[in-house]
Amino acid sequence: MPIYDFKCRGCGHQFEGLVLPARTPPACPACQGQDLERLVSSFAVNSAELSQAAIKKAKKAYAGSPRQRDKQVHEREVFVEHVKEREEDAQR
């Protein structure tokens, strides 16, 4: 399956896209634009070391994301509420 690197001319976002025969090229995931420039890319090489490095990079990016911080805040709020309920039940 041919996977190509693209750059959106509209917003400048770079991404990879799968291009199948007789299908339209992918749209930009950031702005949904169709004005894409196909970039020169190298051959795909996969190894255990590269996979582990990619996973580590993705985990690091996710850990600092607003979504993860929101999840941590929510979990803390649920925990605090649970503790309050247990304390109220113990007082009865």
PDB file of N, CA and C in Angstrom:
ATOM      1  N   MET A   1       0.832  -1.170   0.000  1.00  0.00           N
ATOM      2  CA  MET A   1       0.000   0.000   0.000  1.00  0.00           C
ATOM      3  C   MET A   1       0.887   1.248   0.000  1.00  0.00           C
ATOM      4  N   PRO A   2       0.682   2.138  -0.927  1.00  0.00           N
ATOM      5  CA  PRO A   2       1.515   3.342  -0.971  1.00  0.00           C
ATOM      6  C   PRO A   2       1.070   4.400   0.042  1.00  0.00           C
ATOM      7  N   ILE A   3       1.971   4.728   0.934  1.00  0.00           N
ATOM      8  CA  ILE A   3       1.736   5.792   1.908  1.00  0.00           C
ATOM      9  C   ILE A   3       2.667   6.934   1.540  1.00  0.00           C
ATOM     10  N   TYR A   4       2.091   8.102   1.354  1.00  0.00           N
ATOM     11  CA  TYR A   4       2.869   9.265   0.937  1.00  0.00           C
ATOM     12  C   TYR A   4       2.819  10.345   2.008  1.00  0.00           C
ATOM     13  N   ASP A   5       3.839  11.190   1.999  1.00  0.00           N
ATOM     14  CA  ASP A   5       3.857  12.372   2.857  1.00  0.00           C
ATOM     15  C   ASP A   5       3.248  13.524   2.078  1.00  0.00           C
ATOM     16  N   PHE A   6       2.389  14.286   2.752  1.00  0.00           N
ATOM     17  CA  PHE A   6       1.739  15.424   2.131  1.00  0.00           C
ATOM     18  C   PHE A   6       1.931  16.666   2.985  1.00  0.00           C
ATOM     19  N   LYS A   7       1.842  17.821   2.328  1.00  0.00           N
ATOM     20  CA  LYS A   7       1.809  19.104   3.011  1.00  0.00           C
ATOM     21  C   LYS A   7       0.633  19.872   2.443  1.00  0.00           C
ATOM     22  N   CYS A   8      -0.221  20.368   3.330  1.00  0.00           N
ATOM     23  CA  CYS A   8      -1.380  21.141   2.907  1.00  0.00           C
ATOM     24  C   CYS A   8      -0.909  22.550   2.546  1.00  0.00           C
ATOM     25  N   ARG A   9      -1.254  22.987   1.362  1.00  0.00           N
ATOM     26  CA  ARG A   9      -0.874  24.338   0.946  1.00  0.00           C
ATOM     27  C   ARG A   9      -1.709  25.393   1.656  1.00  0.00           C
ATOM     28  N   GLY A  10      -2.864  25.012   2.156  1.00  0.00           N
ATOM     29  CA  GLY A  10      -3.749  25.952   2.840  1.00  0.00           C
ATOM     30  C   GLY A  10      -3.283  26.297   4.245  1.00  0.00           C
ATOM     31  N   CYS A  11      -2.986  25.255   5.060  1.00  0.00           N
ATOM     32  CA  CYS A  11      -2.640  25.510   6.463  1.00  0.00           C
ATOM     33  C   CYS A  11      -1.211  25.126   6.817  1.00  0.00           C
ATOM     34  N   GLY A  12      -0.500  24.444   5.907  1.00  0.00           N
ATOM     35  CA  GLY A  12       0.891  24.080   6.159  1.00  0.00           C
ATOM     36  C   GLY A  12       1.069  22.800   6.961  1.00  0.00           C
ATOM     37  N   HIS A  13      -0.014  22.109   7.306  1.00  0.00           N
ATOM     38  CA  HIS A  13       0.065  20.871   8.095  1.00  0.00           C
ATOM     39  C   HIS A  13       0.696  19.759   7.260  1.00  0.00           C
ATOM     40  N   GLN A  14       1.642  19.013   7.855  1.00  0.00           N
ATOM     41  CA  GLN A  14       2.257  17.869   7.180  1.00  0.00           C
ATOM     42  C   GLN A  14       1.690  16.591   7.778  1.00  0.00           C
ATOM     43  N   PHE A  15       1.402  15.625   6.917  1.00  0.00           N
ATOM     44  CA  PHE A  15       0.825  14.362   7.371  1.00  0.00           C
ATOM     45  C   PHE A  15       1.106  13.277   6.355  1.00  0.00           C
ATOM     46  N   GLU A  16       0.867  12.025   6.761  1.00  0.00           N
ATOM     47  CA  GLU A  16       0.989  10.877   5.879  1.00  0.00           C
ATOM     48  C   GLU A  16      -0.404  10.465   5.431  1.00  0.00           C
ATOM     49  N   GLY A  17      -0.498   9.988   4.202  1.00  0.00           N
ATOM     50  CA  GLY A  17      -1.787   9.553   3.698  1.00  0.00           C
ATOM     51  C   GLY A  17      -1.662   8.321   2.835  1.00  0.00           C
ATOM     52  N   LEU A  18      -2.625   7.448   2.942  1.00  0.00           N
ATOM     53  CA  LEU A  18      -2.688   6.247   2.137  1.00  0.00           C
ATOM     54  C   LEU A  18      -3.385   6.591   0.828  1.00  0.00           C
ATOM     55  N   VAL A  19      -2.743   6.274  -0.282  1.00  0.00           N
ATOM     56  CA  VAL A  19      -3.312   6.591  -1.587  1.00  0.00           C
ATOM     57  C   VAL A  19      -3.610   5.284  -2.307  1.00  0.00           C
ATOM     58  N   LEU A  20      -4.877   5.039  -2.554  1.00  0.00           N
ATOM     59  CA  LEU A  20      -5.307   3.840  -3.255  1.00  0.00           C
ATOM     60  C   LEU A  20      -5.653   4.193  -4.695  1.00  0.00           C
ATOM     61  N   PRO A  21      -5.450   3.259  -5.611  1.00  0.00           N
ATOM     62  CA  PRO A  21      -5.801   3.523  -7.006  1.00  0.00           C
ATOM     63  C   PRO A  21      -7.297   3.823  -7.160  1.00  0.00           C
ATOM     64  N   ALA A  22      -7.608   4.706  -8.087  1.00  0.00           N
ATOM     65  CA  ALA A  22      -8.991   5.087  -8.419  1.00  0.00           C
ATOM     66  C   ALA A  22      -9.732   5.697  -7.234  1.00  0.00           C
ATOM     67  N   ARG A  23      -9.017   6.273  -6.305  1.00  0.00           N
ATOM     68  CA  ARG A  23      -9.636   6.977  -5.177  1.00  0.00           C
ATOM     69  C   ARG A  23      -9.115   8.401  -5.156  1.00  0.00           C
ATOM     70  N   THR A  24      -9.876   9.278  -4.550  1.00  0.00           N
ATOM     71  CA  THR A  24      -9.425  10.658  -4.425  1.00  0.00           C
ATOM     72  C   THR A  24      -8.309  10.722  -3.379  1.00  0.00           C
ATOM     73  N   PRO A  25      -7.396  11.668  -3.535  1.00  0.00           N
ATOM     74  CA  PRO A  25      -6.336  11.788  -2.533  1.00  0.00           C
ATOM     75  C   PRO A  25      -6.919  12.186  -1.181  1.00  0.00           C
ATOM     76  N   PRO A  26      -6.192  11.923  -0.114  1.00  0.00           N
ATOM     77  CA  PRO A  26      -6.737  12.234   1.210  1.00  0.00           C
ATOM     78  C   PRO A  26      -6.893  13.734   1.417  1.00  0.00           C
ATOM     79  N   ALA A  27      -7.738  14.101   2.345  1.00  0.00           N
ATOM     80  CA  ALA A  27      -7.925  15.501   2.720  1.00  0.00           C
ATOM     81  C   ALA A  27      -7.031  15.802   3.918  1.00  0.00           C
ATOM     82  N   CYS A  28      -6.683  17.055   4.092  1.00  0.00           N
ATOM     83  CA  CYS A  28      -5.871  17.479   5.223  1.00  0.00           C
ATOM     84  C   CYS A  28      -6.643  17.225   6.517  1.00  0.00           C
ATOM     85  N   PRO A  29      -6.057  16.506   7.479  1.00  0.00           N
ATOM     86  CA  PRO A  29      -6.776  16.248   8.728  1.00  0.00           C
ATOM     87  C   PRO A  29      -6.970  17.505   9.579  1.00  0.00           C
ATOM     88  N   ALA A  30      -6.172  18.537   9.355  1.00  0.00           N
ATOM     89  CA  ALA A  30      -6.286  19.761  10.160  1.00  0.00           C
ATOM     90  C   ALA A  30      -7.395  20.680   9.649  1.00  0.00           C
ATOM     91  N   CYS A  31      -7.436  20.892   8.309  1.00  0.00           N
ATOM     92  CA  CYS A  31      -8.402  21.867   7.774  1.00  0.00           C
ATOM     93  C   CYS A  31      -9.343  21.268   6.729  1.00  0.00           C
ATOM     94  N   GLN A  32      -9.202  19.985   6.431  1.00  0.00           N
ATOM     95  CA  GLN A  32     -10.008  19.278   5.432  1.00  0.00           C
ATOM     96  C   GLN A  32      -9.793  19.798   4.017  1.00  0.00           C
ATOM     97  N   GLY A  33      -8.695  20.531   3.788  1.00  0.00           N
ATOM     98  CA  GLY A  33      -8.394  21.055   2.470  1.00  0.00           C
ATOM     99  C   GLY A  33      -7.917  19.975   1.512  1.00  0.00           C
ATOM    100  N   GLN A  34      -8.131  20.209   0.230  1.00  0.00           N
ATOM    101  CA  GLN A  34      -7.721  19.259  -0.801  1.00  0.00           C
ATOM    102  C   GLN A  34      -6.493  19.729  -1.585  1.00  0.00           C
ATOM    103  N   ASP A  35      -6.028  20.950  -1.328  1.00  0.00           N
ATOM    104  CA  ASP A  35      -4.876  21.507  -2.035  1.00  0.00           C
ATOM    105  C   ASP A  35      -3.608  21.009  -1.350  1.00  0.00           C
ATOM    106  N   LEU A  36      -3.138  19.826  -1.787  1.00  0.00           N
ATOM    107  CA  LEU A  36      -2.023  19.153  -1.135  1.00  0.00           C
ATOM    108  C   LEU A  36      -0.802  19.099  -2.043  1.00  0.00           C
ATOM    109  N   GLU A  37       0.357  19.133  -1.417  1.00  0.00           N
ATOM    110  CA  GLU A  37       1.624  18.949  -2.121  1.00  0.00           C
ATOM    111  C   GLU A  37       2.211  17.635  -1.636  1.00  0.00           C
ATOM    112  N   ARG A  38       2.522  16.737  -2.580  1.00  0.00           N
ATOM    113  CA  ARG A  38       3.128  15.466  -2.194  1.00  0.00           C
ATOM    114  C   ARG A  38       4.615  15.686  -1.979  1.00  0.00           C
ATOM    115  N   LEU A  39       5.100  15.313  -0.808  1.00  0.00           N
ATOM    116  CA  LEU A  39       6.494  15.525  -0.454  1.00  0.00           C
ATOM    117  C   LEU A  39       7.332  14.299  -0.808  1.00  0.00           C
ATOM    118  N   VAL A  40       8.610  14.531  -0.978  1.00  0.00           N
ATOM    119  CA  VAL A  40       9.540  13.436  -1.218  1.00  0.00           C
ATOM    120  C   VAL A  40       9.732  12.717   0.113  1.00  0.00           C
ATOM    121  N   SER A  41       9.580  11.413   0.096  1.00  0.00           N
ATOM    122  CA  SER A  41       9.743  10.640   1.325  1.00  0.00           C
ATOM    123  C   SER A  41      10.650   9.451   1.057  1.00  0.00           C
ATOM    124  N   SER A  42      11.132   8.872   2.129  1.00  0.00           N
ATOM    125  CA  SER A  42      12.028   7.723   1.988  1.00  0.00           C
ATOM    126  C   SER A  42      11.239   6.432   2.144  1.00  0.00           C
ATOM    127  N   PHE A  43      11.909   5.325   1.977  1.00  0.00           N
ATOM    128  CA  PHE A  43      11.284   4.035   2.135  1.00  0.00           C
ATOM    129  C   PHE A  43      10.925   3.809   3.594  1.00  0.00           C
ATOM    130  N   ALA A  44       9.853   3.132   3.817  1.00  0.00           N
ATOM    131  CA  ALA A  44       9.433   2.827   5.185  1.00  0.00           C
ATOM    132  C   ALA A  44      10.252   1.657   5.710  1.00  0.00           C
ATOM    133  N   VAL A  45      10.826   1.859   6.867  1.00  0.00           N
ATOM    134  CA  VAL A  45      11.592   0.815   7.526  1.00  0.00           C
ATOM    135  C   VAL A  45      11.005   0.638   8.912  1.00  0.00           C
ATOM    136  N   ASN A  46      10.787  -0.594   9.281  1.00  0.00           N
ATOM    137  CA  ASN A  46      10.200  -0.855  10.587  1.00  0.00           C
ATOM    138  C   ASN A  46      11.082  -1.833  11.342  1.00  0.00           C
ATOM    139  N   SER A  47      11.341  -1.522  12.590  1.00  0.00           N
ATOM    140  CA  SER A  47      12.091  -2.417  13.462  1.00  0.00           C
ATOM    141  C   SER A  47      11.544  -2.269  14.866  1.00  0.00           C
ATOM    142  N   ALA A  48      11.938  -3.152  15.740  1.00  0.00           N
ATOM    143  CA  ALA A  48      11.466  -3.082  17.123  1.00  0.00           C
ATOM    144  C   ALA A  48      11.917  -1.785  17.777  1.00  0.00           C
ATOM    145  N   GLU A  49      13.139  -1.360  17.487  1.00  0.00           N
ATOM    146  CA  GLU A  49      13.668  -0.128  18.077  1.00  0.00           C
ATOM    147  C   GLU A  49      12.888   1.087  17.604  1.00  0.00           C
ATOM    148  N   LEU A  50      12.584   1.141  16.311  1.00  0.00           N
ATOM    149  CA  LEU A  50      11.819   2.266  15.775  1.00  0.00           C
ATOM    150  C   LEU A  50      10.401   2.281  16.339  1.00  0.00           C
ATOM    151  N   SER A  51       9.808   1.106  16.479  1.00  0.00           N
ATOM    152  CA  SER A  51       8.458   1.021  17.028  1.00  0.00           C
ATOM    153  C   SER A  51       8.444   1.504  18.476  1.00  0.00           C
ATOM    154  N   GLN A  52       9.414   1.075  19.263  1.00  0.00           N
ATOM    155  CA  GLN A  52       9.481   1.501  20.664  1.00  0.00           C
ATOM    156  C   GLN A  52       9.708   3.006  20.764  1.00  0.00           C
ATOM    157  N   ALA A  53      10.562   3.542  19.888  1.00  0.00           N
ATOM    158  CA  ALA A  53      10.816   4.988  19.900  1.00  0.00           C
ATOM    159  C   ALA A  53       9.552   5.760  19.533  1.00  0.00           C
ATOM    160  N   ALA A  54       8.796   5.262  18.568  1.00  0.00           N
ATOM    161  CA  ALA A  54       7.553   5.927  18.168  1.00  0.00           C
ATOM    162  C   ALA A  54       6.523   5.884  19.293  1.00  0.00           C
ATOM    163  N   ILE A  55       6.432   4.752  19.973  1.00  0.00           N
ATOM    164  CA  ILE A  55       5.495   4.621  21.085  1.00  0.00           C
ATOM    165  C   ILE A  55       5.876   5.570  22.214  1.00  0.00           C
ATOM    166  N   LYS A  56       7.171   5.634  22.520  1.00  0.00           N
ATOM    167  CA  LYS A  56       7.651   6.516  23.582  1.00  0.00           C
ATOM    168  C   LYS A  56       7.343   7.977  23.244  1.00  0.00           C
ATOM    169  N   LYS A  57       7.557   8.359  21.987  1.00  0.00           N
ATOM    170  CA  LYS A  57       7.285   9.726  21.556  1.00  0.00           C
ATOM    171  C   LYS A  57       5.789  10.042  21.654  1.00  0.00           C
ATOM    172  N   ALA A  58       4.950   9.104  21.246  1.00  0.00           N
ATOM    173  CA  ALA A  58       3.500   9.310  21.300  1.00  0.00           C
ATOM    174  C   ALA A  58       3.007   9.414  22.738  1.00  0.00           C
ATOM    175  N   LYS A  59       3.549   8.581  23.631  1.00  0.00           N
ATOM    176  CA  LYS A  59       3.149   8.645  25.042  1.00  0.00           C
ATOM    177  C   LYS A  59       3.549   9.975  25.655  1.00  0.00           C
ATOM    178  N   LYS A  60       4.743  10.455  25.307  1.00  0.00           N
ATOM    179  CA  LYS A  60       5.217  11.728  25.837  1.00  0.00           C
ATOM    180  C   LYS A  60       4.319  12.873  25.344  1.00  0.00           C
ATOM    181  N   ALA A  61       3.950  12.841  24.076  1.00  0.00           N
ATOM    182  CA  ALA A  61       3.081  13.877  23.524  1.00  0.00           C
ATOM    183  C   ALA A  61       1.700  13.824  24.170  1.00  0.00           C
ATOM    184  N   TYR A  62       1.187  12.618  24.403  1.00  0.00           N
ATOM    185  CA  TYR A  62      -0.138  12.474  25.016  1.00  0.00           C
ATOM    186  C   TYR A  62      -0.121  12.919  26.471  1.00  0.00           C
ATOM    187  N   ALA A  63       0.967  12.628  27.189  1.00  0.00           N
ATOM    188  CA  ALA A  63       1.060  12.990  28.608  1.00  0.00           C
ATOM    189  C   ALA A  63       0.988  14.501  28.799  1.00  0.00           C
ATOM    190  N   GLY A  64       1.496  15.269  27.853  1.00  0.00           N
ATOM    191  CA  GLY A  64       1.471  16.717  27.975  1.00  0.00           C
ATOM    192  C   GLY A  64       0.285  17.371  27.297  1.00  0.00           C
ATOM    193  N   SER A  65      -0.615  16.566  26.764  1.00  0.00           N
ATOM    194  CA  SER A  65      -1.741  17.127  26.017  1.00  0.00           C
ATOM    195  C   SER A  65      -2.834  17.644  26.955  1.00  0.00           C
ATOM    196  N   PRO A  66      -3.610  18.621  26.500  1.00  0.00           N
ATOM    197  CA  PRO A  66      -4.723  19.126  27.313  1.00  0.00           C
ATOM    198  C   PRO A  66      -5.736  18.037  27.653  1.00  0.00           C
ATOM    199  N   ARG A  67      -5.929  17.098  26.752  1.00  0.00           N
ATOM    200  CA  ARG A  67      -6.893  16.025  27.000  1.00  0.00           C
ATOM    201  C   ARG A  67      -6.466  15.182  28.201  1.00  0.00           C
ATOM    202  N   GLN A  68      -5.178  14.866  28.287  1.00  0.00           N
ATOM    203  CA  GLN A  68      -4.679  14.070  29.407  1.00  0.00           C
ATOM    204  C   GLN A  68      -4.789  14.855  30.716  1.00  0.00           C
ATOM    205  N   ARG A  69      -4.461  16.146  30.669  1.00  0.00           N
ATOM    206  CA  ARG A  69      -4.575  16.960  31.883  1.00  0.00           C
ATOM    207  C   ARG A  69      -6.033  17.034  32.343  1.00  0.00           C
ATOM    208  N   ASP A  70      -6.960  17.189  31.407  1.00  0.00           N
ATOM    209  CA  ASP A  70      -8.385  17.218  31.753  1.00  0.00           C
ATOM    210  C   ASP A  70      -8.812  15.896  32.390  1.00  0.00           C
ATOM    211  N   LYS A  71      -8.300  14.791  31.853  1.00  0.00           N
ATOM    212  CA  LYS A  71      -8.620  13.478  32.396  1.00  0.00           C
ATOM    213  C   LYS A  71      -8.107  13.357  33.828  1.00  0.00           C
ATOM    214  N   GLN A  72      -6.880  13.823  34.085  1.00  0.00           N
ATOM    215  CA  GLN A  72      -6.311  13.754  35.423  1.00  0.00           C
ATOM    216  C   GLN A  72      -7.107  14.614  36.406  1.00  0.00           C
ATOM    217  N   VAL A  73      -7.513  15.801  35.983  1.00  0.00           N
ATOM    218  CA  VAL A  73      -8.314  16.682  36.848  1.00  0.00           C
ATOM    219  C   VAL A  73      -9.645  16.012  37.170  1.00  0.00           C
ATOM    220  N   HIS A  74     -10.277  15.439  36.163  1.00  0.00           N
ATOM    221  CA  HIS A  74     -11.562  14.767  36.375  1.00  0.00           C
ATOM    222  C   HIS A  74     -11.415  13.590  37.340  1.00  0.00           C
ATOM    223  N   GLU A  75     -10.374  12.771  37.147  1.00  0.00           N
ATOM    224  CA  GLU A  75     -10.162  11.633  38.037  1.00  0.00           C
ATOM    225  C   GLU A  75      -9.939  12.095  39.475  1.00  0.00           C
ATOM    226  N   ARG A  76      -9.215  13.178  39.646  1.00  0.00           N
ATOM    227  CA  ARG A  76      -8.972  13.717  40.985  1.00  0.00           C
ATOM    228  C   ARG A  76     -10.284  14.199  41.610  1.00  0.00           C
ATOM    229  N   GLU A  77     -11.114  14.883  40.830  1.00  0.00           N
ATOM    230  CA  GLU A  77     -12.397  15.359  41.341  1.00  0.00           C
ATOM    231  C   GLU A  77     -13.293  14.193  41.747  1.00  0.00           C
ATOM    232  N   VAL A  78     -13.315  13.136  40.949  1.00  0.00           N
ATOM    233  CA  VAL A  78     -14.120  11.962  41.274  1.00  0.00           C
ATOM    234  C   VAL A  78     -13.600  11.315  42.555  1.00  0.00           C
ATOM    235  N   PHE A  79     -12.288  11.223  42.700  1.00  0.00           N
ATOM    236  CA  PHE A  79     -11.685  10.639  43.891  1.00  0.00           C
ATOM    237  C   PHE A  79     -12.049  11.446  45.133  1.00  0.00           C
ATOM    238  N   VAL A  80     -11.914  12.755  45.065  1.00  0.00           N
ATOM    239  CA  VAL A  80     -12.231  13.617  46.201  1.00  0.00           C
ATOM    240  C   VAL A  80     -13.706  13.487  46.570  1.00  0.00           C
ATOM    241  N   GLU A  81     -14.573  13.450  45.592  1.00  0.00           N
ATOM    242  CA  GLU A  81     -16.008  13.299  45.847  1.00  0.00           C
ATOM    243  C   GLU A  81     -16.292  11.951  46.514  1.00  0.00           C
ATOM    244  N   HIS A  82     -15.617  10.915  46.056  1.00  0.00           N
ATOM    245  CA  HIS A  82     -15.793   9.580  46.640  1.00  0.00           C
ATOM    246  C   HIS A  82     -15.349   9.570  48.102  1.00  0.00           C
ATOM    247  N   VAL A  83     -14.217  10.206  48.393  1.00  0.00           N
ATOM    248  CA  VAL A  83     -13.721  10.276  49.769  1.00  0.00           C
ATOM    249  C   VAL A  83     -14.715  11.025  50.649  1.00  0.00           C
ATOM    250  N   LYS A  84     -15.264  12.121  50.153  1.00  0.00           N
ATOM    251  CA  LYS A  84     -16.260  12.880  50.923  1.00  0.00           C
ATOM    252  C   LYS A  84     -17.485  12.020  51.226  1.00  0.00           C
ATOM    253  N   GLU A  85     -17.955  11.264  50.252  1.00  0.00           N
ATOM    254  CA  GLU A  85     -19.114  10.402  50.455  1.00  0.00           C
ATOM    255  C   GLU A  85     -18.818   9.338  51.505  1.00  0.00           C
ATOM    256  N   ARG A  86     -17.621   8.752  51.460  1.00  0.00           N
ATOM    257  CA  ARG A  86     -17.238   7.731  52.449  1.00  0.00           C
ATOM    258  C   ARG A  86     -17.175   8.327  53.847  1.00  0.00           C
ATOM    259  N   GLU A  87     -16.646   9.547  53.964  1.00  0.00           N
ATOM    260  CA  GLU A  87     -16.563  10.204  55.267  1.00  0.00           C
ATOM    261  C   GLU A  87     -17.941  10.511  55.814  1.00  0.00           C
ATOM    262  N   GLU A  88     -18.852  10.946  54.938  1.00  0.00           N
ATOM    263  CA  GLU A  88     -20.227  11.224  55.368  1.00  0.00           C
ATOM    264  C   GLU A  88     -20.931   9.957  55.825  1.00  0.00           C
ATOM    265  N   ASP A  89     -20.704   8.858  55.095  1.00  0.00           N
ATOM    266  CA  ASP A  89     -21.301   7.572  55.470  1.00  0.00           C
ATOM    267  C   ASP A  89     -20.749   7.087  56.811  1.00  0.00           C
ATOM    268  N   ALA A  90     -19.467   7.320  57.053  1.00  0.00           N
ATOM    269  CA  ALA A  90     -18.847   6.883  58.309  1.00  0.00           C
ATOM    270  C   ALA A  90     -19.369   7.690  59.492  1.00  0.00           C
ATOM    271  N   GLN A  91     -19.759   8.925  59.267  1.00  0.00           N
ATOM    272  CA  GLN A  91     -20.254   9.773  60.336  1.00  0.00           C
ATOM    273  C   GLN A  91     -21.685   9.416  60.730  1.00  0.00           C
ATOM    274  N   ARG A  92     -22.401   8.751  59.883  1.00  0.00           N
ATOM    275  CA  ARG A  92     -23.813   8.397  60.157  1.00  0.00           C
ATOM    276  C   ARG A  92     -23.923   7.208  61.067  1.00  0.00           C
TER     277      ARG A  92
END
